[in-house]
Amino acid sequence: MTFQQFLWFCQGEGLNAVIGIILSFLAEWWPQFQASARREKMFVMLGLNIIIPLLAALISYGMGYQDGGFATTFWPALSAGGMAFLASQATYLTKVPQVVRRLRE
């Protein structure tokens, strides 16, 4: 994988993999991260999902791999980050069984 491909990977389908690696290092090397409240961890995840694709897009633009248009460079990166965050939070839904029970009643 070239550096250009890695930058594209960070802006799309590989975003959750990159964030997973970062979170693994945080959990392993920073003891306060594990002791943090769930809400704080959620904000860390949200921040990573926004910062990483935007940073990859900015580096890509700076190196001439992408044009500087917002609609073609930065908006897809923001969309990928937002969708990756929503997908990651779906696994932590704790109230789904309660909602389903209420709907059945």
C-alpha atoms as a PDB file:
ATOM      1  CA  MET A   1       0.000   0.000   0.000  1.00  0.00           C
ATOM      2  CA  THR A   2       1.424   3.350  -0.985  1.00  0.00           C
ATOM      3  CA  PHE A   3       1.107   6.434   1.188  1.00  0.00           C
ATOM      4  CA  GLN A   4      -1.482   7.850  -1.209  1.00  0.00           C
ATOM      5  CA  GLN A   5      -3.562   4.670  -0.896  1.00  0.00           C
ATOM      6  CA  PHE A   6      -3.221   4.812   2.879  1.00  0.00           C
ATOM      7  CA  LEU A   7      -4.552   8.378   2.909  1.00  0.00           C
ATOM      8  CA  TRP A   8      -7.538   7.280   0.807  1.00  0.00           C
ATOM      9  CA  PHE A   9      -7.993   4.307   3.145  1.00  0.00           C
ATOM     10  CA  CYS A  10      -8.162   6.675   6.129  1.00  0.00           C
ATOM     11  CA  GLN A  11     -10.855   8.714   4.407  1.00  0.00           C
ATOM     12  CA  GLY A  12     -13.164   5.822   3.699  1.00  0.00           C
ATOM     13  CA  GLU A  13     -13.487   2.137   4.313  1.00  0.00           C
ATOM     14  CA  GLY A  14     -10.417   1.849   6.517  1.00  0.00           C
ATOM     15  CA  LEU A  15     -11.323   4.596   8.943  1.00  0.00           C
ATOM     16  CA  ASN A  16     -12.682   2.287  11.641  1.00  0.00           C
ATOM     17  CA  ALA A  17      -9.637   0.032  11.336  1.00  0.00           C
ATOM     18  CA  VAL A  18      -7.277   2.974  11.840  1.00  0.00           C
ATOM     19  CA  ILE A  19      -9.336   4.261  14.774  1.00  0.00           C
ATOM     20  CA  GLY A  20      -9.457   0.772  16.281  1.00  0.00           C
ATOM     21  CA  ILE A  21      -5.666   0.623  16.244  1.00  0.00           C
ATOM     22  CA  ILE A  22      -5.411   4.058  17.858  1.00  0.00           C
ATOM     23  CA  LEU A  23      -7.968   3.158  20.543  1.00  0.00           C
ATOM     24  CA  SER A  24      -6.120  -0.094  21.250  1.00  0.00           C
ATOM     25  CA  PHE A  25      -2.939   1.854  21.905  1.00  0.00           C
ATOM     26  CA  LEU A  26      -4.839   4.358  24.069  1.00  0.00           C
ATOM     27  CA  ALA A  27      -6.363   1.579  26.140  1.00  0.00           C
ATOM     28  CA  GLU A  28      -3.042  -0.196  26.515  1.00  0.00           C
ATOM     29  CA  TRP A  29      -0.696   2.724  27.183  1.00  0.00           C
ATOM     30  CA  TRP A  30      -2.923   5.269  28.909  1.00  0.00           C
ATOM     31  CA  PRO A  31      -4.490   3.800  32.072  1.00  0.00           C
ATOM     32  CA  GLN A  32      -6.771   6.820  32.568  1.00  0.00           C
ATOM     33  CA  PHE A  33      -8.514   6.000  29.286  1.00  0.00           C
ATOM     34  CA  GLN A  34      -9.872   2.736  30.662  1.00  0.00           C
ATOM     35  CA  ALA A  35     -11.010   4.476  33.835  1.00  0.00           C
ATOM     36  CA  SER A  36     -12.777   7.209  31.857  1.00  0.00           C
ATOM     37  CA  ALA A  37     -16.522   7.489  31.804  1.00  0.00           C
ATOM     38  CA  ARG A  38     -18.378   6.051  28.832  1.00  0.00           C
ATOM     39  CA  ARG A  39     -19.349   9.558  27.713  1.00  0.00           C
ATOM     40  CA  GLU A  40     -15.715  10.683  27.615  1.00  0.00           C
ATOM     41  CA  LYS A  41     -14.777   7.653  25.531  1.00  0.00           C
ATOM     42  CA  MET A  42     -17.622   8.478  23.155  1.00  0.00           C
ATOM     43  CA  PHE A  43     -16.251  12.000  22.671  1.00  0.00           C
ATOM     44  CA  VAL A  44     -12.769  10.613  22.012  1.00  0.00           C
ATOM     45  CA  MET A  45     -14.274   8.308  19.380  1.00  0.00           C
ATOM     46  CA  LEU A  46     -16.218  11.196  17.815  1.00  0.00           C
ATOM     47  CA  GLY A  47     -13.115  13.369  17.744  1.00  0.00           C
ATOM     48  CA  LEU A  48     -11.042  10.661  16.080  1.00  0.00           C
ATOM     49  CA  ASN A  49     -13.798  10.012  13.522  1.00  0.00           C
ATOM     50  CA  ILE A  50     -13.749  13.671  12.508  1.00  0.00           C
ATOM     51  CA  ILE A  51     -10.050  14.498  12.836  1.00  0.00           C
ATOM     52  CA  ILE A  52      -8.510  11.474  11.081  1.00  0.00           C
ATOM     53  CA  PRO A  53     -10.369  11.710   7.745  1.00  0.00           C
ATOM     54  CA  LEU A  54     -10.021  15.492   7.663  1.00  0.00           C
ATOM     55  CA  LEU A  55      -6.311  15.267   8.429  1.00  0.00           C
ATOM     56  CA  ALA A  56      -5.881  12.599   5.750  1.00  0.00           C
ATOM     57  CA  ALA A  57      -7.755  14.795   3.257  1.00  0.00           C
ATOM     58  CA  LEU A  58      -5.649  17.821   4.190  1.00  0.00           C
ATOM     59  CA  ILE A  59      -2.386  15.881   3.790  1.00  0.00           C
ATOM     60  CA  SER A  60      -3.675  14.433   0.522  1.00  0.00           C
ATOM     61  CA  TYR A  61      -4.501  17.918  -0.727  1.00  0.00           C
ATOM     62  CA  GLY A  62      -1.150  19.287   0.456  1.00  0.00           C
ATOM     63  CA  MET A  63       0.731  16.565  -1.407  1.00  0.00           C
ATOM     64  CA  GLY A  64      -1.272  17.117  -4.589  1.00  0.00           C
ATOM     65  CA  TYR A  65      -3.177  13.821  -4.521  1.00  0.00           C
ATOM     66  CA  GLN A  66      -6.579  15.541  -4.336  1.00  0.00           C
ATOM     67  CA  ASP A  67      -8.012  18.848  -5.453  1.00  0.00           C
ATOM     68  CA  GLY A  68      -8.934  21.420  -2.837  1.00  0.00           C
ATOM     69  CA  GLY A  69     -12.663  21.527  -3.448  1.00  0.00           C
ATOM     70  CA  PHE A  70     -14.771  21.143  -0.353  1.00  0.00           C
ATOM     71  CA  ALA A  71     -17.367  18.980  -2.120  1.00  0.00           C
ATOM     72  CA  THR A  72     -14.814  16.582  -3.565  1.00  0.00           C
ATOM     73  CA  THR A  73     -12.228  16.426  -0.789  1.00  0.00           C
ATOM     74  CA  PHE A  74     -13.449  17.469   2.632  1.00  0.00           C
ATOM     75  CA  TRP A  75     -17.163  16.690   2.522  1.00  0.00           C
ATOM     76  CA  PRO A  76     -16.608  12.982   1.730  1.00  0.00           C
ATOM     77  CA  ALA A  77     -14.089  12.822   4.572  1.00  0.00           C
ATOM     78  CA  LEU A  78     -16.562  14.390   7.000  1.00  0.00           C
ATOM     79  CA  SER A  79     -19.314  12.063   5.794  1.00  0.00           C
ATOM     80  CA  ALA A  80     -17.103   9.018   6.257  1.00  0.00           C
ATOM     81  CA  GLY A  81     -16.209  10.159   9.766  1.00  0.00           C
ATOM     82  CA  GLY A  82     -19.818  10.775  10.724  1.00  0.00           C
ATOM     83  CA  MET A  83     -21.019   7.456   9.378  1.00  0.00           C
ATOM     84  CA  ALA A  84     -18.137   5.577  11.000  1.00  0.00           C
ATOM     85  CA  PHE A  85     -19.018   7.166  14.344  1.00  0.00           C
ATOM     86  CA  LEU A  86     -22.696   6.259  14.001  1.00  0.00           C
ATOM     87  CA  ALA A  87     -21.807   2.698  13.032  1.00  0.00           C
ATOM     88  CA  SER A  88     -19.466   2.327  15.985  1.00  0.00           C
ATOM     89  CA  GLN A  89     -22.081   3.582  18.438  1.00  0.00           C
ATOM     90  CA  ALA A  90     -24.747   1.189  17.202  1.00  0.00           C
ATOM     91  CA  THR A  91     -22.977  -1.640  18.999  1.00  0.00           C
ATOM     92  CA  TYR A  92     -23.361   0.174  22.318  1.00  0.00           C
ATOM     93  CA  LEU A  93     -27.094   0.681  22.228  1.00  0.00           C
ATOM     94  CA  THR A  94     -28.279  -0.496  25.616  1.00  0.00           C
ATOM     95  CA  LYS A  95     -31.889   0.592  25.451  1.00  0.00           C
ATOM     96  CA  VAL A  96     -32.895  -1.291  22.317  1.00  0.00           C
ATOM     97  CA  PRO A  97     -34.512  -4.219  24.200  1.00  0.00           C
ATOM     98  CA  GLN A  98     -36.529  -1.767  26.301  1.00  0.00           C
ATOM     99  CA  VAL A  99     -37.738   0.101  23.230  1.00  0.00           C
ATOM    100  CA  VAL A 100     -38.684  -3.127  21.489  1.00  0.00           C
ATOM    101  CA  ARG A 101     -40.674  -4.260  24.544  1.00  0.00           C
ATOM    102  CA  ARG A 102     -42.532  -0.938  24.623  1.00  0.00           C
ATOM    103  CA  LEU A 103     -43.356  -1.187  20.930  1.00  0.00           C
ATOM    104  CA  ARG A 104     -44.755  -4.697  21.380  1.00  0.00           C
ATOM    105  CA  GLU A 105     -47.060  -3.594  24.199  1.00  0.00           C
END
